[in-house]
Amino acid sequence: MEKHIREKKRLNQALNGNLPMVQKELEDFFKKHNIDATPGLAHDISCFVIEELYIKRFSLPEY
């Protein structure tokens, strides 16, 4: 639990105090698409979106 609290503080600082807002937006998205009850799928989708952001950022050719 201590690690979770430290991570929460770190992320909130990185987001300039906006972690609660970002968390709410993501929770709403996961609920809207019925993936809030499947954390593995939510994690996989999040990772995929992040990967896509980096691919677009660096203009890597599509696969």
C-alpha atoms as a PDB file:
ATOM      1  CA  MET A   1       0.000   0.000   0.000  1.00  0.00           C
ATOM      2  CA  GLU A   2       2.905   2.344   0.695  1.00  0.00           C
ATOM      3  CA  LYS A   3       4.115   1.931  -2.881  1.00  0.00           C
ATOM      4  CA  HIS A   4       0.641   2.854  -4.165  1.00  0.00           C
ATOM      5  CA  ILE A   5       0.618   6.021  -2.054  1.00  0.00           C
ATOM      6  CA  ARG A   6       4.107   7.016  -3.237  1.00  0.00           C
ATOM      7  CA  GLU A   7       3.105   6.404  -6.852  1.00  0.00           C
ATOM      8  CA  LYS A   8      -0.057   8.457  -6.418  1.00  0.00           C
ATOM      9  CA  LYS A   9       1.952  11.389  -5.067  1.00  0.00           C
ATOM     10  CA  ARG A  10       4.509  11.096  -7.880  1.00  0.00           C
ATOM     11  CA  LEU A  11       1.879  10.967 -10.602  1.00  0.00           C
ATOM     12  CA  ASN A  12      -0.133  13.800  -9.105  1.00  0.00           C
ATOM     13  CA  GLN A  13       2.993  15.952  -9.014  1.00  0.00           C
ATOM     14  CA  ALA A  14       3.828  15.045 -12.623  1.00  0.00           C
ATOM     15  CA  LEU A  15       0.299  16.073 -13.631  1.00  0.00           C
ATOM     16  CA  ASN A  16       0.469  19.355 -11.714  1.00  0.00           C
ATOM     17  CA  GLY A  17      -2.166  18.229  -9.232  1.00  0.00           C
ATOM     18  CA  ASN A  18      -4.531  16.936 -11.901  1.00  0.00           C
ATOM     19  CA  LEU A  19      -4.306  13.211 -11.139  1.00  0.00           C
ATOM     20  CA  PRO A  20      -7.856  13.054  -9.704  1.00  0.00           C
ATOM     21  CA  MET A  21      -9.271  14.564 -12.905  1.00  0.00           C
ATOM     22  CA  VAL A  22      -7.241  12.245 -15.157  1.00  0.00           C
ATOM     23  CA  GLN A  23      -8.189   9.255 -13.035  1.00  0.00           C
ATOM     24  CA  LYS A  24     -11.893  10.147 -13.273  1.00  0.00           C
ATOM     25  CA  GLU A  25     -11.671  10.568 -17.062  1.00  0.00           C
ATOM     26  CA  LEU A  26      -9.989   7.181 -17.463  1.00  0.00           C
ATOM     27  CA  GLU A  27     -12.439   5.493 -15.095  1.00  0.00           C
ATOM     28  CA  ASP A  28     -15.348   6.956 -17.078  1.00  0.00           C
ATOM     29  CA  PHE A  29     -13.792   5.746 -20.342  1.00  0.00           C
ATOM     30  CA  PHE A  30     -13.255   2.225 -18.998  1.00  0.00           C
ATOM     31  CA  LYS A  31     -16.843   2.101 -17.682  1.00  0.00           C
ATOM     32  CA  LYS A  32     -18.275   3.460 -20.942  1.00  0.00           C
ATOM     33  CA  HIS A  33     -16.582   0.661 -22.886  1.00  0.00           C
ATOM     34  CA  ASN A  34     -17.327  -2.036 -20.286  1.00  0.00           C
ATOM     35  CA  ILE A  35     -13.693  -2.750 -19.513  1.00  0.00           C
ATOM     36  CA  ASP A  36     -13.700  -1.487 -15.928  1.00  0.00           C
ATOM     37  CA  ALA A  37     -14.227  -5.026 -14.627  1.00  0.00           C
ATOM     38  CA  THR A  38     -11.363  -6.493 -16.666  1.00  0.00           C
ATOM     39  CA  PRO A  39      -8.140  -4.885 -15.460  1.00  0.00           C
ATOM     40  CA  GLY A  40      -5.984  -6.989 -17.761  1.00  0.00           C
ATOM     41  CA  LEU A  41      -7.832  -5.730 -20.832  1.00  0.00           C
ATOM     42  CA  ALA A  42      -7.800  -2.147 -19.540  1.00  0.00           C
ATOM     43  CA  HIS A  43      -4.036  -2.419 -19.060  1.00  0.00           C
ATOM     44  CA  ASP A  44      -3.500  -3.892 -22.529  1.00  0.00           C
ATOM     45  CA  ILE A  45      -5.587  -1.166 -24.158  1.00  0.00           C
ATOM     46  CA  SER A  46      -3.714   1.535 -22.253  1.00  0.00           C
ATOM     47  CA  CYS A  47      -0.348   0.106 -23.316  1.00  0.00           C
ATOM     48  CA  PHE A  48      -1.492  -0.163 -26.937  1.00  0.00           C
ATOM     49  CA  VAL A  49      -2.625   3.469 -27.007  1.00  0.00           C
ATOM     50  CA  ILE A  50       0.687   4.611 -25.511  1.00  0.00           C
ATOM     51  CA  GLU A  51       2.606   2.589 -28.103  1.00  0.00           C
ATOM     52  CA  GLU A  52       0.526   4.144 -30.877  1.00  0.00           C
ATOM     53  CA  LEU A  53       1.284   7.623 -29.546  1.00  0.00           C
ATOM     54  CA  TYR A  54       5.026   6.914 -29.740  1.00  0.00           C
ATOM     55  CA  ILE A  55       4.763   5.392 -33.199  1.00  0.00           C
ATOM     56  CA  LYS A  56       2.997   8.531 -34.438  1.00  0.00           C
ATOM     57  CA  ARG A  57       5.393  10.821 -32.603  1.00  0.00           C
ATOM     58  CA  PHE A  58       8.436   9.329 -34.239  1.00  0.00           C
ATOM     59  CA  SER A  59       6.722   8.766 -37.603  1.00  0.00           C
ATOM     60  CA  LEU A  60       7.593   5.103 -37.603  1.00  0.00           C
ATOM     61  CA  PRO A  61       6.204   3.197 -40.579  1.00  0.00           C
ATOM     62  CA  GLU A  62       3.005   1.298 -39.950  1.00  0.00           C
ATOM     63  CA  TYR A  63       3.359  -2.416 -39.521  1.00  0.00           C
END
